[in-house]
Amino acid sequence: MRWTCLLPLVAAAACSGLEEGEGGVVGLELEFPELRTLEIDEQAQLSARALDADGDVVEAPITWRATTAALSVDPTGLVTAIAPGSGEVQAVVGSLASERIGFTIVLRADTLIIEGDSVLVIPLDVDPPATATLPVRMESFDPAGPVGSRPVIYEIVQPVAGATPVVQLVGGVQIDTVNTAADGLASVVLGAVAGQIPPDTAIVEFRANRTRGAPVPGSGQRFIVLFQ
């Protein structure tokens, strides 16, 4: 959370033509979260205080208003995300209004689903070497639909890489983050490391987080890849 001020009040106190609002209020300070991306139905608490020309807090009635239907704000400054899009919130005292605090509203990440089979086979002794594509889909339930532009983390959990990995994701890594596309799909490609003897089985786990850090349901599922 951080505070932001409508006017630079220390300097404003010395201004000779400063117009005071209701109850001697010349500025509004807001406290709001640094992260201003909300999933539908998520909430964020804003706070405000009115200040006079000396920078002291003034007891004055503060009201709140939202500029779009993508979100709402109640009399306490509690913002609720309603629909995908963007919106702004202001605090108001009399004729004075604070700066607009913007929020981005996105679909709620309700589930991660394996797209297709969770057990795949990579045939050995083929040229070029075969690989396995591991697709997952992120979805929202209300409204129902795909969730795009959200990171999904893939990690090879077996075999442990050690000093010389024997399997890898494209790019030569053991862990990778891929954003979902507009259709909610994300995928990585798994293959054996050239020159190494592949294992009988490789296991790749995937996970994702909601905007406030909670795991998306379905996180922790695994692909099992057999080398045969």
Protein backbone atom coordinates (compact mmCIF):
# COMPACT_ATOMS: atom_id res chain seq x y z
CA MET A 1 0.00 0.00 0.00
CA ARG A 2 1.14 3.57 -0.55
CA TRP A 3 -0.16 7.08 0.00
CA THR A 4 -0.49 9.58 -2.81
CA CYS A 5 -1.51 13.21 -2.47
CA LEU A 6 -3.75 15.33 -4.66
CA LEU A 7 -1.67 18.46 -3.96
CA PRO A 8 1.92 19.03 -2.72
CA LEU A 9 0.63 20.36 0.57
CA VAL A 10 3.88 21.57 2.09
CA ALA A 11 4.33 23.89 -0.87
CA ALA A 12 0.62 24.61 -1.04
CA ALA A 13 0.61 26.05 2.47
CA ALA A 14 2.70 28.97 1.25
CA CYS A 15 0.55 29.68 -1.81
CA SER A 16 -1.27 32.94 -1.50
CA GLY A 17 -4.33 32.27 -3.64
CA LEU A 18 -5.09 28.70 -2.47
CA GLU A 19 -8.76 27.98 -2.51
CA GLU A 20 -10.04 25.96 0.40
CA GLY A 21 -12.79 23.44 0.02
CA GLU A 22 -15.35 22.24 2.54
CA GLY A 23 -14.07 22.46 6.11
CA GLY A 24 -10.76 24.01 5.04
CA VAL A 25 -9.75 20.98 2.98
CA VAL A 26 -7.15 21.71 0.29
CA GLY A 27 -5.98 18.19 -0.55
CA LEU A 28 -6.79 14.51 -0.39
CA GLU A 29 -4.37 11.71 0.30
CA LEU A 30 -5.13 8.18 -0.82
CA GLU A 31 -3.74 4.86 0.33
CA PHE A 32 -4.04 2.15 -2.28
CA PRO A 33 -2.39 -1.17 -3.19
CA GLU A 34 0.64 -1.25 -5.46
CA LEU A 35 -0.89 -4.17 -7.36
CA ARG A 36 -3.99 -2.89 -9.09
CA THR A 37 -4.92 -5.89 -11.21
CA LEU A 38 -8.02 -7.61 -9.86
CA GLU A 39 -9.74 -10.81 -10.88
CA ILE A 40 -13.53 -10.69 -11.07
CA ASP A 41 -15.01 -10.66 -7.53
CA GLU A 42 -11.66 -9.74 -5.97
CA GLN A 43 -11.56 -6.67 -3.75
CA ALA A 44 -9.08 -3.97 -2.81
CA GLN A 45 -9.35 -1.57 0.10
CA LEU A 46 -8.61 2.12 -0.45
CA SER A 47 -8.31 4.71 2.30
CA ALA A 48 -8.40 8.48 2.16
CA ARG A 49 -7.80 11.42 4.45
CA ALA A 50 -8.51 15.09 3.97
CA LEU A 51 -5.74 17.62 4.68
CA ASP A 52 -5.67 21.35 5.27
CA ALA A 53 -3.11 23.87 4.03
CA ASP A 54 -0.74 22.95 6.87
CA GLY A 55 -0.85 19.27 5.94
CA ASP A 56 -2.90 18.37 8.99
CA VAL A 57 -5.73 15.85 8.84
CA VAL A 58 -9.19 17.41 8.67
CA GLU A 59 -12.34 15.63 9.78
CA ALA A 60 -14.44 15.88 6.64
CA PRO A 61 -16.95 13.53 5.01
CA ILE A 62 -15.26 11.58 2.19
CA THR A 63 -17.27 9.90 -0.53
CA TRP A 64 -16.12 7.55 -3.26
CA ARG A 65 -17.04 7.16 -6.89
CA ALA A 66 -16.17 4.75 -9.70
CA THR A 67 -15.89 5.97 -13.27
CA THR A 68 -16.92 2.76 -15.07
CA ALA A 69 -19.14 -0.28 -14.58
CA ALA A 70 -16.13 -2.63 -14.59
CA LEU A 71 -15.83 -2.10 -10.84
CA SER A 72 -17.72 -0.69 -7.90
CA VAL A 73 -16.64 1.11 -4.74
CA ASP A 74 -18.59 1.24 -1.49
CA PRO A 75 -18.73 4.12 1.05
CA THR A 76 -15.66 2.72 2.88
CA GLY A 77 -13.46 2.71 -0.23
CA LEU A 78 -13.73 -1.04 -0.82
CA VAL A 79 -13.33 -1.72 -4.53
CA THR A 80 -14.95 -4.82 -6.06
CA ALA A 81 -14.10 -6.10 -9.54
CA ILE A 82 -17.22 -6.75 -11.62
CA ALA A 83 -16.34 -7.27 -15.29
CA PRO A 84 -13.20 -7.54 -17.45
CA GLY A 85 -11.80 -4.19 -18.51
CA SER A 86 -10.44 -1.17 -16.70
CA GLY A 87 -11.84 1.34 -14.27
CA GLU A 88 -10.90 4.22 -12.00
CA VAL A 89 -11.87 5.29 -8.50
CA GLN A 90 -11.80 8.74 -6.88
CA ALA A 91 -12.28 10.08 -3.38
CA VAL A 92 -14.30 13.29 -3.11
CA VAL A 93 -14.73 15.97 -0.45
CA GLY A 94 -17.13 18.71 -1.46
CA SER A 95 -15.83 20.09 -4.77
CA LEU A 96 -12.38 18.51 -4.35
CA ALA A 97 -11.64 15.18 -6.02
CA SER A 98 -8.52 13.07 -5.68
CA GLU A 99 -6.50 11.74 -8.56
CA ARG A 100 -8.04 8.75 -10.28
CA ILE A 101 -6.68 5.38 -9.19
CA GLY A 102 -6.82 2.94 -12.08
CA PHE A 103 -7.53 -0.79 -11.88
CA THR A 104 -7.36 -3.53 -14.48
CA ILE A 105 -10.01 -6.23 -14.19
CA VAL A 106 -9.29 -9.71 -15.57
CA LEU A 107 -11.12 -13.02 -15.64
CA ARG A 108 -10.75 -15.15 -12.55
CA ALA A 109 -8.36 -18.10 -13.00
CA ASP A 110 -10.61 -20.91 -11.71
CA THR A 111 -8.87 -24.01 -13.00
CA LEU A 112 -5.93 -25.50 -14.87
CA ILE A 113 -6.77 -28.48 -17.07
CA ILE A 114 -4.54 -30.89 -18.98
CA GLU A 115 -5.44 -30.62 -22.64
CA GLY A 116 -5.43 -34.19 -23.92
CA ASP A 117 -3.51 -37.07 -22.35
CA SER A 118 -1.46 -36.80 -19.19
CA VAL A 119 0.68 -39.81 -20.17
CA LEU A 120 2.69 -39.47 -23.38
CA VAL A 121 5.25 -41.64 -25.14
CA ILE A 122 8.45 -40.46 -26.81
CA PRO A 123 9.74 -43.14 -29.21
CA LEU A 124 13.46 -43.84 -29.14
CA ASP A 125 15.85 -44.29 -32.06
CA VAL A 126 14.07 -41.96 -34.47
CA ASP A 127 15.64 -39.22 -36.54
CA PRO A 128 15.13 -36.39 -35.83
CA PRO A 129 14.70 -37.14 -32.11
CA ALA A 130 11.06 -37.13 -31.03
CA THR A 131 9.65 -34.74 -28.44
CA ALA A 132 6.44 -34.42 -26.43
CA THR A 133 4.25 -31.31 -26.29
CA LEU A 134 2.60 -30.71 -22.90
CA PRO A 135 -0.49 -28.47 -23.25
CA VAL A 136 -2.67 -27.11 -20.44
CA ARG A 137 -5.64 -24.78 -20.48
CA MET A 138 -6.63 -22.10 -17.95
CA GLU A 139 -10.34 -21.39 -17.59
CA SER A 140 -12.76 -19.16 -15.75
CA PHE A 141 -16.11 -20.49 -14.52
CA ASP A 142 -18.09 -17.24 -14.17
CA PRO A 143 -18.19 -16.02 -16.82
CA ALA A 144 -17.16 -19.29 -18.47
CA GLY A 145 -14.28 -19.01 -20.88
CA PRO A 146 -10.55 -19.17 -21.46
CA VAL A 147 -8.14 -17.04 -19.44
CA GLY A 148 -5.37 -15.51 -21.54
CA SER A 149 -2.12 -13.72 -20.77
CA ARG A 150 -1.49 -15.53 -17.51
CA PRO A 151 1.79 -17.29 -16.62
CA VAL A 152 1.96 -21.07 -16.20
CA ILE A 153 5.10 -22.59 -14.69
CA TYR A 154 6.36 -25.96 -15.93
CA GLU A 155 9.05 -27.85 -14.02
CA ILE A 156 10.77 -31.17 -14.63
CA VAL A 157 10.59 -32.92 -11.26
CA GLN A 158 11.90 -36.32 -12.40
CA PRO A 159 14.63 -37.13 -13.13
CA VAL A 160 16.46 -34.55 -11.03
CA ALA A 161 18.79 -32.69 -13.34
CA GLY A 162 22.02 -33.14 -11.40
CA ALA A 163 25.25 -31.99 -13.01
CA THR A 164 24.24 -33.31 -16.45
CA PRO A 165 20.52 -33.22 -17.33
CA VAL A 166 19.21 -36.04 -19.50
CA VAL A 167 15.87 -34.39 -20.36
CA GLN A 168 15.04 -30.75 -20.91
CA LEU A 169 12.36 -28.33 -21.99
CA VAL A 170 12.84 -26.41 -25.22
CA GLY A 171 15.51 -23.80 -24.59
CA GLY A 172 17.61 -26.23 -22.56
CA VAL A 173 15.93 -25.46 -19.24
CA GLN A 174 14.45 -27.54 -16.42
CA ILE A 175 11.82 -24.98 -15.48
CA ASP A 176 10.01 -22.52 -17.73
CA THR A 177 7.19 -19.97 -17.54
CA VAL A 178 4.78 -19.69 -20.46
CA ASN A 179 1.87 -17.26 -20.80
CA THR A 180 -1.51 -18.59 -21.83
CA ALA A 181 -2.75 -17.54 -25.26
CA ALA A 182 -6.14 -15.96 -25.95
CA ASP A 183 -7.67 -19.45 -26.05
CA GLY A 184 -6.31 -20.18 -22.55
CA LEU A 185 -3.70 -22.64 -23.80
CA ALA A 186 -0.06 -22.85 -22.76
CA SER A 187 2.43 -25.55 -23.63
CA VAL A 188 6.07 -26.57 -23.48
CA VAL A 189 8.03 -29.21 -25.38
CA LEU A 190 10.03 -31.91 -23.60
CA GLY A 191 12.83 -33.94 -25.13
CA ALA A 192 15.95 -35.90 -24.32
CA VAL A 193 19.29 -34.09 -24.13
CA ALA A 194 21.42 -34.90 -27.17
CA GLY A 195 24.22 -37.33 -26.37
CA GLN A 196 22.64 -38.50 -23.10
CA ILE A 197 20.83 -41.76 -22.39
CA PRO A 198 17.17 -40.86 -21.79
CA PRO A 199 15.40 -42.11 -18.66
CA ASP A 200 12.54 -44.58 -18.72
CA THR A 201 10.21 -41.89 -17.36
CA ALA A 202 10.17 -38.13 -17.01
CA ILE A 203 7.62 -36.20 -14.92
CA VAL A 204 6.74 -32.56 -15.55
CA GLU A 205 4.64 -30.61 -13.04
CA PHE A 206 2.75 -27.42 -13.85
CA ARG A 207 1.26 -24.67 -11.67
CA ALA A 208 -0.04 -21.11 -11.77
CA ASN A 209 -1.02 -18.42 -9.29
CA ARG A 210 -3.97 -16.10 -9.06
CA THR A 211 -3.34 -12.35 -8.95
CA ARG A 212 -3.04 -12.31 -5.15
CA GLY A 213 -0.72 -15.34 -5.02
CA ALA A 214 -3.09 -18.22 -4.24
CA PRO A 215 -2.53 -21.30 -6.42
CA VAL A 216 -4.93 -21.79 -9.30
CA PRO A 217 -6.98 -24.97 -8.71
CA GLY A 218 -5.44 -27.75 -10.76
CA SER A 219 -1.90 -26.64 -9.98
CA GLY A 220 0.42 -29.49 -9.08
CA GLN A 221 -0.86 -31.88 -11.75
CA ARG A 222 1.78 -33.78 -13.69
CA PHE A 223 2.55 -35.08 -17.13
CA ILE A 224 4.22 -38.49 -17.29
CA VAL A 225 6.42 -38.97 -20.33
CA LEU A 226 7.64 -42.46 -21.20
CA PHE A 227 10.74 -43.04 -23.33
CA GLN A 228 10.19 -46.30 -25.24
